[in-house]
Amino acid sequence: MFWKKTKGEEPSQPKAEHLPGPRSIEELVGRQLVIDLKQNPDQVWKLRSVVRQRTEGKHRFDFRVFDGNQVAASKIKVKDYTSLDNQPELVLYEGWFDKVSMAVHFEKK
């Protein structure tokens, strides 16, 4: 009968976390780069970033900022946050931000 299991099915395994692809940098991060770190605003807003959610809360995210032109010149495809794990020289800024408290923290490299 069709409602019975035909084969011994294993319990479903948890799926790997889906990470978003590259996009323009978050406004909080860009503002911090321009105001506090005194970076050129014309260059800052051309940068790209990848993010992943932190385990501490659903409003906290890790980020990595990179230059899309530099990545293209090195012929590396950035699909998500983990794509830059083996290419630390391409990461210009790294840290985390909280969308609720509007806090941004840059990690030292």
Foldseek 3Di string as FASTA:
>chain_A
DVVDDPDPDDPDDDDDDDWAFKDFDDPLVLVCCCPVVVDDSVQNRQKIKAWDADPVDRQKIKMFIFHPVVCVVVVQDTGHDCSCVVPVVRTPWIWMAGPPVSDTDTDDD
